[in-house]
Each structure stands twice: as structure tokens, then as C-alpha cells.
Amino acid sequence: MWHERVLPSGPEPIRFGTVLRGSLLPILVWAGITCFVCFVYNPLLATVLGGLFALSFIVGFALRRRAKHSVRCSVYGALGGVLDKSMAGF
């Protein structure tokens, strides 16, 4: 495929909208589960679930920054990584 010039010759910049569009299903699943937990059980439990998501994002961001990625790359990678790993059970 490289010889037919199908793939780019180097890194290509991506926009944040592209990351979100590719992650729409996991975002909807997270939001749906959080709303369900909030209405059925307790808003405090939904807050804990949101905190778990935030903690996973922060850890992913820190690991990428430690590996010398740019801030933009770290944000995109952390968001994509959290959403990808959260959907592994589905």
C-alpha cells in the first residue's frame, strides 16, 4: 500500500471533532449508564462514575506526557484510550 501512495507519507494532523466522531458510541454508552445510575440509584453514585472516568483520563494523559507526547496528542490519546478500554467489556 505504501508504493501506491494510499497511506500518507508522514504524520497527519487530526482535529478534535474527528476523535469525537470516532468515539460517539462509547460516549453515548458512558452518558446512558451515568443517567441510568443517577435516576435509578443515587446521584452520588453517578458522580463517582464520572470521577472514575476523569481519573482514567488523567492517568492516561499523565502517562502520555511522561512518554514525551505533545499536550494535544496526550489529550486526544487519553480520551480515545479511556473510551476504547471502557468498551472492551461490551
PDB file of N, CA and C in Angstrom:
ATOM      1  N   MET A   1       0.813  -1.189   0.000  1.00  0.00           N
ATOM      2  CA  MET A   1       0.000   0.000   0.000  1.00  0.00           C
ATOM      3  C   MET A   1       0.861   1.259   0.000  1.00  0.00           C
ATOM      4  N   TRP A   2       2.046   1.183   0.577  1.00  0.00           N
ATOM      5  CA  TRP A   2       2.894   2.372   0.588  1.00  0.00           C
ATOM      6  C   TRP A   2       3.337   2.743  -0.820  1.00  0.00           C
ATOM      7  N   HIS A   3       3.523   1.764  -1.678  1.00  0.00           N
ATOM      8  CA  HIS A   3       4.021   2.040  -3.017  1.00  0.00           C
ATOM      9  C   HIS A   3       2.953   2.674  -3.903  1.00  0.00           C
ATOM     10  N   GLU A   4       1.698   2.465  -3.583  1.00  0.00           N
ATOM     11  CA  GLU A   4       0.623   3.055  -4.375  1.00  0.00           C
ATOM     12  C   GLU A   4       0.178   4.394  -3.799  1.00  0.00           C
ATOM     13  N   ARG A   5       0.871   4.888  -2.786  1.00  0.00           N
ATOM     14  CA  ARG A   5       0.615   6.187  -2.173  1.00  0.00           C
ATOM     15  C   ARG A   5      -0.783   6.293  -1.580  1.00  0.00           C
ATOM     16  N   VAL A   6      -1.299   5.181  -1.070  1.00  0.00           N
ATOM     17  CA  VAL A   6      -2.606   5.194  -0.423  1.00  0.00           C
ATOM     18  C   VAL A   6      -2.486   5.791   0.972  1.00  0.00           C
ATOM     19  N   LEU A   7      -1.453   5.425   1.681  1.00  0.00           N
ATOM     20  CA  LEU A   7      -1.222   5.946   3.022  1.00  0.00           C
ATOM     21  C   LEU A   7      -0.385   7.213   2.939  1.00  0.00           C
ATOM     22  N   PRO A   8      -0.556   8.123   3.882  1.00  0.00           N
ATOM     23  CA  PRO A   8       0.237   9.351   3.843  1.00  0.00           C
ATOM     24  C   PRO A   8       1.720   9.069   4.070  1.00  0.00           C
ATOM     25  N   SER A   9       2.558   9.967   3.579  1.00  0.00           N
ATOM     26  CA  SER A   9       3.999   9.757   3.694  1.00  0.00           C
ATOM     27  C   SER A   9       4.520  10.091   5.088  1.00  0.00           C
ATOM     28  N   GLY A  10       3.731  10.766   5.900  1.00  0.00           N
ATOM     29  CA  GLY A  10       4.158  11.125   7.244  1.00  0.00           C
ATOM     30  C   GLY A  10       2.967  11.310   8.153  1.00  0.00           C
ATOM     31  N   PRO A  11       3.197  11.829   9.355  1.00  0.00           N
ATOM     32  CA  PRO A  11       2.083  12.049  10.276  1.00  0.00           C
ATOM     33  C   PRO A  11       1.112  13.101   9.743  1.00  0.00           C
ATOM     34  N   GLU A  12      -0.139  12.843   9.935  1.00  0.00           N
ATOM     35  CA  GLU A  12      -1.190  13.760   9.502  1.00  0.00           C
ATOM     36  C   GLU A  12      -1.888  14.323  10.732  1.00  0.00           C
ATOM     37  N   PRO A  13      -2.103  15.642  10.790  1.00  0.00           N
ATOM     38  CA  PRO A  13      -2.824  16.212  11.934  1.00  0.00           C
ATOM     39  C   PRO A  13      -4.307  15.841  11.878  1.00  0.00           C
ATOM     40  N   ILE A  14      -4.875  15.590  13.042  1.00  0.00           N
ATOM     41  CA  ILE A  14      -6.305  15.307  13.112  1.00  0.00           C
ATOM     42  C   ILE A  14      -6.960  16.345  14.010  1.00  0.00           C
ATOM     43  N   ARG A  15      -8.248  16.578  13.783  1.00  0.00           N
ATOM     44  CA  ARG A  15      -8.988  17.542  14.593  1.00  0.00           C
ATOM     45  C   ARG A  15      -9.687  16.814  15.726  1.00  0.00           C
ATOM     46  N   PHE A  16     -10.057  17.586  16.747  1.00  0.00           N
ATOM     47  CA  PHE A  16     -10.731  17.021  17.911  1.00  0.00           C
ATOM     48  C   PHE A  16     -12.091  16.438  17.518  1.00  0.00           C
ATOM     49  N   GLY A  17     -12.765  17.048  16.557  1.00  0.00           N
ATOM     50  CA  GLY A  17     -14.048  16.530  16.078  1.00  0.00           C
ATOM     51  C   GLY A  17     -13.920  15.137  15.487  1.00  0.00           C
ATOM     52  N   THR A  18     -12.797  14.870  14.843  1.00  0.00           N
ATOM     53  CA  THR A  18     -12.557  13.543  14.284  1.00  0.00           C
ATOM     54  C   THR A  18     -12.436  12.508  15.393  1.00  0.00           C
ATOM     55  N   VAL A  19     -11.761  12.884  16.470  1.00  0.00           N
ATOM     56  CA  VAL A  19     -11.626  11.976  17.617  1.00  0.00           C
ATOM     57  C   VAL A  19     -13.005  11.698  18.223  1.00  0.00           C
ATOM     58  N   LEU A  20     -13.808  12.744  18.399  1.00  0.00           N
ATOM     59  CA  LEU A  20     -15.136  12.561  18.989  1.00  0.00           C
ATOM     60  C   LEU A  20     -16.067  11.776  18.077  1.00  0.00           C
ATOM     61  N   ARG A  21     -15.990  12.021  16.773  1.00  0.00           N
ATOM     62  CA  ARG A  21     -16.861  11.301  15.839  1.00  0.00           C
ATOM     63  C   ARG A  21     -16.558   9.808  15.867  1.00  0.00           C
ATOM     64  N   GLY A  22     -15.293   9.456  15.994  1.00  0.00           N
ATOM     65  CA  GLY A  22     -14.910   8.055  16.069  1.00  0.00           C
ATOM     66  C   GLY A  22     -15.269   7.416  17.405  1.00  0.00           C
ATOM     67  N   SER A  23     -15.529   8.249  18.408  1.00  0.00           N
ATOM     68  CA  SER A  23     -15.819   7.750  19.748  1.00  0.00           C
ATOM     69  C   SER A  23     -17.248   8.022  20.170  1.00  0.00           C
ATOM     70  N   LEU A  24     -18.143   8.218  19.233  1.00  0.00           N
ATOM     71  CA  LEU A  24     -19.512   8.587  19.568  1.00  0.00           C
ATOM     72  C   LEU A  24     -20.240   7.497  20.347  1.00  0.00           C
ATOM     73  N   LEU A  25     -20.109   6.261  19.941  1.00  0.00           N
ATOM     74  CA  LEU A  25     -20.794   5.174  20.639  1.00  0.00           C
ATOM     75  C   LEU A  25     -20.333   5.034  22.090  1.00  0.00           C
ATOM     76  N   PRO A  26     -19.016   5.020  22.378  1.00  0.00           N
ATOM     77  CA  PRO A  26     -18.618   4.933  23.790  1.00  0.00           C
ATOM     78  C   PRO A  26     -19.080   6.123  24.618  1.00  0.00           C
ATOM     79  N   ILE A  27     -19.102   7.317  24.028  1.00  0.00           N
ATOM     80  CA  ILE A  27     -19.579   8.494  24.764  1.00  0.00           C
ATOM     81  C   ILE A  27     -21.052   8.334  25.110  1.00  0.00           C
ATOM     82  N   LEU A  28     -21.845   7.848  24.165  1.00  0.00           N
ATOM     83  CA  LEU A  28     -23.267   7.626  24.426  1.00  0.00           C
ATOM     84  C   LEU A  28     -23.478   6.543  25.477  1.00  0.00           C
ATOM     85  N   VAL A  29     -22.658   5.514  25.450  1.00  0.00           N
ATOM     86  CA  VAL A  29     -22.779   4.445  26.448  1.00  0.00           C
ATOM     87  C   VAL A  29     -22.445   4.991  27.842  1.00  0.00           C
ATOM     88  N   TRP A  30     -21.350   5.748  27.966  1.00  0.00           N
ATOM     89  CA  TRP A  30     -20.996   6.350  29.254  1.00  0.00           C
ATOM     90  C   TRP A  30     -22.113   7.257  29.754  1.00  0.00           C
ATOM     91  N   ALA A  31     -22.639   8.109  28.867  1.00  0.00           N
ATOM     92  CA  ALA A  31     -23.701   9.037  29.268  1.00  0.00           C
ATOM     93  C   ALA A  31     -24.970   8.275  29.654  1.00  0.00           C
ATOM     94  N   GLY A  32     -25.316   7.240  28.909  1.00  0.00           N
ATOM     95  CA  GLY A  32     -26.506   6.456  29.215  1.00  0.00           C
ATOM     96  C   GLY A  32     -26.406   5.739  30.555  1.00  0.00           C
ATOM     97  N   ILE A  33     -25.277   5.138  30.814  1.00  0.00           N
ATOM     98  CA  ILE A  33     -25.088   4.435  32.086  1.00  0.00           C
ATOM     99  C   ILE A  33     -25.120   5.425  33.248  1.00  0.00           C
ATOM    100  N   THR A  34     -24.492   6.582  33.066  1.00  0.00           N
ATOM    101  CA  THR A  34     -24.482   7.590  34.118  1.00  0.00           C
ATOM    102  C   THR A  34     -25.890   8.107  34.397  1.00  0.00           C
ATOM    103  N   CYS A  35     -26.667   8.384  33.360  1.00  0.00           N
ATOM    104  CA  CYS A  35     -28.055   8.837  33.555  1.00  0.00           C
ATOM    105  C   CYS A  35     -28.898   7.762  34.238  1.00  0.00           C
ATOM    106  N   PHE A  36     -28.736   6.522  33.825  1.00  0.00           N
ATOM    107  CA  PHE A  36     -29.476   5.426  34.436  1.00  0.00           C
ATOM    108  C   PHE A  36     -29.156   5.310  35.925  1.00  0.00           C
ATOM    109  N   VAL A  37     -27.866   5.348  36.239  1.00  0.00           N
ATOM    110  CA  VAL A  37     -27.437   5.242  37.640  1.00  0.00           C
ATOM    111  C   VAL A  37     -27.959   6.424  38.451  1.00  0.00           C
ATOM    112  N   CYS A  38     -27.940   7.616  37.850  1.00  0.00           N
ATOM    113  CA  CYS A  38     -28.389   8.815  38.552  1.00  0.00           C
ATOM    114  C   CYS A  38     -29.871   8.741  38.898  1.00  0.00           C
ATOM    115  N   PHE A  39     -30.692   8.315  37.959  1.00  0.00           N
ATOM    116  CA  PHE A  39     -32.138   8.296  38.187  1.00  0.00           C
ATOM    117  C   PHE A  39     -32.599   7.083  38.989  1.00  0.00           C
ATOM    118  N   VAL A  40     -31.981   5.931  38.787  1.00  0.00           N
ATOM    119  CA  VAL A  40     -32.430   4.714  39.447  1.00  0.00           C
ATOM    120  C   VAL A  40     -31.840   4.572  40.847  1.00  0.00           C
ATOM    121  N   TYR A  41     -30.561   4.868  40.981  1.00  0.00           N
ATOM    122  CA  TYR A  41     -29.918   4.634  42.268  1.00  0.00           C
ATOM    123  C   TYR A  41     -29.749   5.922  43.063  1.00  0.00           C
ATOM    124  N   ASN A  42     -28.735   6.690  42.720  1.00  0.00           N
ATOM    125  CA  ASN A  42     -28.406   7.844  43.533  1.00  0.00           C
ATOM    126  C   ASN A  42     -27.505   8.772  42.722  1.00  0.00           C
ATOM    127  N   PRO A  43     -27.721  10.086  42.775  1.00  0.00           N
ATOM    128  CA  PRO A  43     -26.827  11.000  42.059  1.00  0.00           C
ATOM    129  C   PRO A  43     -25.377  10.917  42.546  1.00  0.00           C
ATOM    130  N   LEU A  44     -25.178  10.560  43.791  1.00  0.00           N
ATOM    131  CA  LEU A  44     -23.819  10.422  44.302  1.00  0.00           C
ATOM    132  C   LEU A  44     -23.074   9.302  43.581  1.00  0.00           C
ATOM    133  N   LEU A  45     -23.764   8.225  43.296  1.00  0.00           N
ATOM    134  CA  LEU A  45     -23.143   7.115  42.571  1.00  0.00           C
ATOM    135  C   LEU A  45     -22.783   7.533  41.147  1.00  0.00           C
ATOM    136  N   ALA A  46     -23.620   8.360  40.521  1.00  0.00           N
ATOM    137  CA  ALA A  46     -23.306   8.878  39.183  1.00  0.00           C
ATOM    138  C   ALA A  46     -22.078   9.782  39.231  1.00  0.00           C
ATOM    139  N   THR A  47     -21.935  10.528  40.315  1.00  0.00           N
ATOM    140  CA  THR A  47     -20.756  11.377  40.488  1.00  0.00           C
ATOM    141  C   THR A  47     -19.505  10.522  40.633  1.00  0.00           C
ATOM    142  N   VAL A  48     -19.597   9.430  41.343  1.00  0.00           N
ATOM    143  CA  VAL A  48     -18.469   8.509  41.487  1.00  0.00           C
ATOM    144  C   VAL A  48     -18.096   7.925  40.121  1.00  0.00           C
ATOM    145  N   LEU A  49     -19.078   7.582  39.316  1.00  0.00           N
ATOM    146  CA  LEU A  49     -18.822   7.055  37.978  1.00  0.00           C
ATOM    147  C   LEU A  49     -18.128   8.102  37.111  1.00  0.00           C
ATOM    148  N   GLY A  50     -18.583   9.359  37.193  1.00  0.00           N
ATOM    149  CA  GLY A  50     -17.923  10.441  36.465  1.00  0.00           C
ATOM    150  C   GLY A  50     -16.498  10.663  36.955  1.00  0.00           C
ATOM    151  N   GLY A  51     -16.286  10.517  38.254  1.00  0.00           N
ATOM    152  CA  GLY A  51     -14.942  10.636  38.812  1.00  0.00           C
ATOM    153  C   GLY A  51     -14.025   9.525  38.327  1.00  0.00           C
ATOM    154  N   LEU A  52     -14.567   8.332  38.173  1.00  0.00           N
ATOM    155  CA  LEU A  52     -13.788   7.215  37.640  1.00  0.00           C
ATOM    156  C   LEU A  52     -13.352   7.503  36.205  1.00  0.00           C
ATOM    157  N   PHE A  53     -14.261   8.052  35.410  1.00  0.00           N
ATOM    158  CA  PHE A  53     -13.927   8.438  34.042  1.00  0.00           C
ATOM    159  C   PHE A  53     -12.827   9.507  34.048  1.00  0.00           C
ATOM    160  N   ALA A  54     -12.976  10.529  34.898  1.00  0.00           N
ATOM    161  CA  ALA A  54     -11.993  11.611  34.970  1.00  0.00           C
ATOM    162  C   ALA A  54     -10.633  11.093  35.438  1.00  0.00           C
ATOM    163  N   LEU A  55     -10.633  10.213  36.418  1.00  0.00           N
ATOM    164  CA  LEU A  55      -9.381   9.646  36.918  1.00  0.00           C
ATOM    165  C   LEU A  55      -8.670   8.845  35.827  1.00  0.00           C
ATOM    166  N   SER A  56      -9.422   8.057  35.073  1.00  0.00           N
ATOM    167  CA  SER A  56      -8.834   7.287  33.978  1.00  0.00           C
ATOM    168  C   SER A  56      -8.245   8.215  32.914  1.00  0.00           C
ATOM    169  N   PHE A  57      -8.954   9.304  32.627  1.00  0.00           N
ATOM    170  CA  PHE A  57      -8.458  10.282  31.655  1.00  0.00           C
ATOM    171  C   PHE A  57      -7.167  10.927  32.147  1.00  0.00           C
ATOM    172  N   ILE A  58      -7.125  11.319  33.407  1.00  0.00           N
ATOM    173  CA  ILE A  58      -5.941  11.991  33.966  1.00  0.00           C
ATOM    174  C   ILE A  58      -4.735  11.056  33.964  1.00  0.00           C
ATOM    175  N   VAL A  59      -4.938   9.797  34.323  1.00  0.00           N
ATOM    176  CA  VAL A  59      -3.834   8.832  34.326  1.00  0.00           C
ATOM    177  C   VAL A  59      -3.320   8.609  32.903  1.00  0.00           C
ATOM    178  N   GLY A  60      -4.235   8.464  31.940  1.00  0.00           N
ATOM    179  CA  GLY A  60      -3.821   8.296  30.549  1.00  0.00           C
ATOM    180  C   GLY A  60      -3.071   9.508  30.028  1.00  0.00           C
ATOM    181  N   PHE A  61      -3.537  10.702  30.392  1.00  0.00           N
ATOM    182  CA  PHE A  61      -2.865  11.932  29.983  1.00  0.00           C
ATOM    183  C   PHE A  61      -1.466  12.003  30.574  1.00  0.00           C
ATOM    184  N   ALA A  62      -1.341  11.698  31.849  1.00  0.00           N
ATOM    185  CA  ALA A  62      -0.032  11.764  32.516  1.00  0.00           C
ATOM    186  C   ALA A  62       0.947  10.751  31.924  1.00  0.00           C
ATOM    187  N   LEU A  63       0.473   9.556  31.629  1.00  0.00           N
ATOM    188  CA  LEU A  63       1.353   8.545  31.030  1.00  0.00           C
ATOM    189  C   LEU A  63       1.843   8.978  29.656  1.00  0.00           C
ATOM    190  N   ARG A  64       0.973   9.611  28.881  1.00  0.00           N
ATOM    191  CA  ARG A  64       1.381  10.069  27.554  1.00  0.00           C
ATOM    192  C   ARG A  64       2.340  11.256  27.640  1.00  0.00           C
ATOM    193  N   ARG A  65       2.124  12.148  28.596  1.00  0.00           N
ATOM    194  CA  ARG A  65       3.050  13.275  28.772  1.00  0.00           C
ATOM    195  C   ARG A  65       4.414  12.777  29.246  1.00  0.00           C
ATOM    196  N   ARG A  66       4.426  11.760  30.106  1.00  0.00           N
ATOM    197  CA  ARG A  66       5.693  11.198  30.573  1.00  0.00           C
ATOM    198  C   ARG A  66       6.464  10.558  29.418  1.00  0.00           C
ATOM    199  N   ALA A  67       5.730  10.052  28.423  1.00  0.00           N
ATOM    200  CA  ALA A  67       6.358   9.442  27.256  1.00  0.00           C
ATOM    201  C   ALA A  67       6.741  10.490  26.206  1.00  0.00           C
ATOM    202  N   LYS A  68       6.698  11.782  26.585  1.00  0.00           N
ATOM    203  CA  LYS A  68       7.126  12.907  25.745  1.00  0.00           C
ATOM    204  C   LYS A  68       6.203  13.186  24.561  1.00  0.00           C
ATOM    205  N   HIS A  69       4.913  12.863  24.678  1.00  0.00           N
ATOM    206  CA  HIS A  69       3.947  13.252  23.649  1.00  0.00           C
ATOM    207  C   HIS A  69       3.586  14.712  23.858  1.00  0.00           C
ATOM    208  N   SER A  70       3.087  15.367  22.817  1.00  0.00           N
ATOM    209  CA  SER A  70       2.647  16.753  22.955  1.00  0.00           C
ATOM    210  C   SER A  70       1.361  16.790  23.784  1.00  0.00           C
ATOM    211  N   VAL A  71       0.997  17.991  24.235  1.00  0.00           N
ATOM    212  CA  VAL A  71      -0.223  18.135  25.038  1.00  0.00           C
ATOM    213  C   VAL A  71      -1.440  17.735  24.207  1.00  0.00           C
ATOM    214  N   ARG A  72      -1.485  18.185  22.971  1.00  0.00           N
ATOM    215  CA  ARG A  72      -2.615  17.866  22.095  1.00  0.00           C
ATOM    216  C   ARG A  72      -2.725  16.359  21.866  1.00  0.00           C
ATOM    217  N   CYS A  73      -1.615  15.738  21.572  1.00  0.00           N
ATOM    218  CA  CYS A  73      -1.598  14.294  21.363  1.00  0.00           C
ATOM    219  C   CYS A  73      -1.999  13.563  22.640  1.00  0.00           C
ATOM    220  N   SER A  74      -1.569  14.074  23.786  1.00  0.00           N
ATOM    221  CA  SER A  74      -1.901  13.446  25.058  1.00  0.00           C
ATOM    222  C   SER A  74      -3.389  13.529  25.359  1.00  0.00           C
ATOM    223  N   VAL A  75      -4.000  14.668  25.073  1.00  0.00           N
ATOM    224  CA  VAL A  75      -5.444  14.821  25.302  1.00  0.00           C
ATOM    225  C   VAL A  75      -6.226  13.881  24.400  1.00  0.00           C
ATOM    226  N   TYR A  76      -5.906  13.892  23.115  1.00  0.00           N
ATOM    227  CA  TYR A  76      -6.617  13.019  22.171  1.00  0.00           C
ATOM    228  C   TYR A  76      -6.419  11.551  22.516  1.00  0.00           C
ATOM    229  N   GLY A  77      -5.182  11.177  22.816  1.00  0.00           N
ATOM    230  CA  GLY A  77      -4.888   9.782  23.136  1.00  0.00           C
ATOM    231  C   GLY A  77      -5.524   9.327  24.434  1.00  0.00           C
ATOM    232  N   ALA A  78      -5.537  10.212  25.436  1.00  0.00           N
ATOM    233  CA  ALA A  78      -6.149   9.847  26.713  1.00  0.00           C
ATOM    234  C   ALA A  78      -7.650   9.664  26.556  1.00  0.00           C
ATOM    235  N   LEU A  79      -8.298  10.571  25.843  1.00  0.00           N
ATOM    236  CA  LEU A  79      -9.741  10.438  25.621  1.00  0.00           C
ATOM    237  C   LEU A  79     -10.054   9.184  24.820  1.00  0.00           C
ATOM    238  N   GLY A  80      -9.342   8.983  23.731  1.00  0.00           N
ATOM    239  CA  GLY A  80      -9.565   7.790  22.919  1.00  0.00           C
ATOM    240  C   GLY A  80      -9.262   6.514  23.673  1.00  0.00           C
ATOM    241  N   GLY A  81      -8.215   6.531  24.484  1.00  0.00           N
ATOM    242  CA  GLY A  81      -7.844   5.343  25.254  1.00  0.00           C
ATOM    243  C   GLY A  81      -8.875   4.981  26.302  1.00  0.00           C
ATOM    244  N   VAL A  82      -9.377   5.985  27.018  1.00  0.00           N
ATOM    245  CA  VAL A  82     -10.398   5.719  28.039  1.00  0.00           C
ATOM    246  C   VAL A  82     -11.665   5.170  27.390  1.00  0.00           C
ATOM    247  N   LEU A  83     -12.075   5.789  26.307  1.00  0.00           N
ATOM    248  CA  LEU A  83     -13.301   5.329  25.650  1.00  0.00           C
ATOM    249  C   LEU A  83     -13.112   3.953  25.022  1.00  0.00           C
ATOM    250  N   ASP A  84     -11.942   3.689  24.464  1.00  0.00           N
ATOM    251  CA  ASP A  84     -11.678   2.386  23.861  1.00  0.00           C
ATOM    252  C   ASP A  84     -11.648   1.290  24.911  1.00  0.00           C
ATOM    253  N   LYS A  85     -10.928   1.511  25.996  1.00  0.00           N
ATOM    254  CA  LYS A  85     -10.815   0.487  27.044  1.00  0.00           C
ATOM    255  C   LYS A  85     -12.124   0.280  27.786  1.00  0.00           C
ATOM    256  N   SER A  86     -12.944   1.322  27.883  1.00  0.00           N
ATOM    257  CA  SER A  86     -14.227   1.169  28.581  1.00  0.00           C
ATOM    258  C   SER A  86     -15.198   0.323  27.769  1.00  0.00           C
ATOM    259  N   MET A  87     -15.017   0.272  26.479  1.00  0.00           N
ATOM    260  CA  MET A  87     -15.918  -0.507  25.625  1.00  0.00           C
ATOM    261  C   MET A  87     -15.443  -1.945  25.453  1.00  0.00           C
ATOM    262  N   ALA A  88     -14.327  -2.321  26.042  1.00  0.00           N
ATOM    263  CA  ALA A  88     -13.794  -3.670  25.900  1.00  0.00           C
ATOM    264  C   ALA A  88     -14.751  -4.714  26.456  1.00  0.00           C
ATOM    265  N   GLY A  89     -15.521  -4.379  27.478  1.00  0.00           N
ATOM    266  CA  GLY A  89     -16.470  -5.338  28.059  1.00  0.00           C
ATOM    267  C   GLY A  89     -17.730  -5.521  27.250  1.00  0.00           C
ATOM    268  N   PHE A  90     -18.000  -4.589  26.359  1.00  0.00           N
ATOM    269  CA  PHE A  90     -19.220  -4.683  25.538  1.00  0.00           C
ATOM    270  C   PHE A  90     -18.905  -5.413  24.270  1.00  0.00           C
TER     271      PHE A  90
END
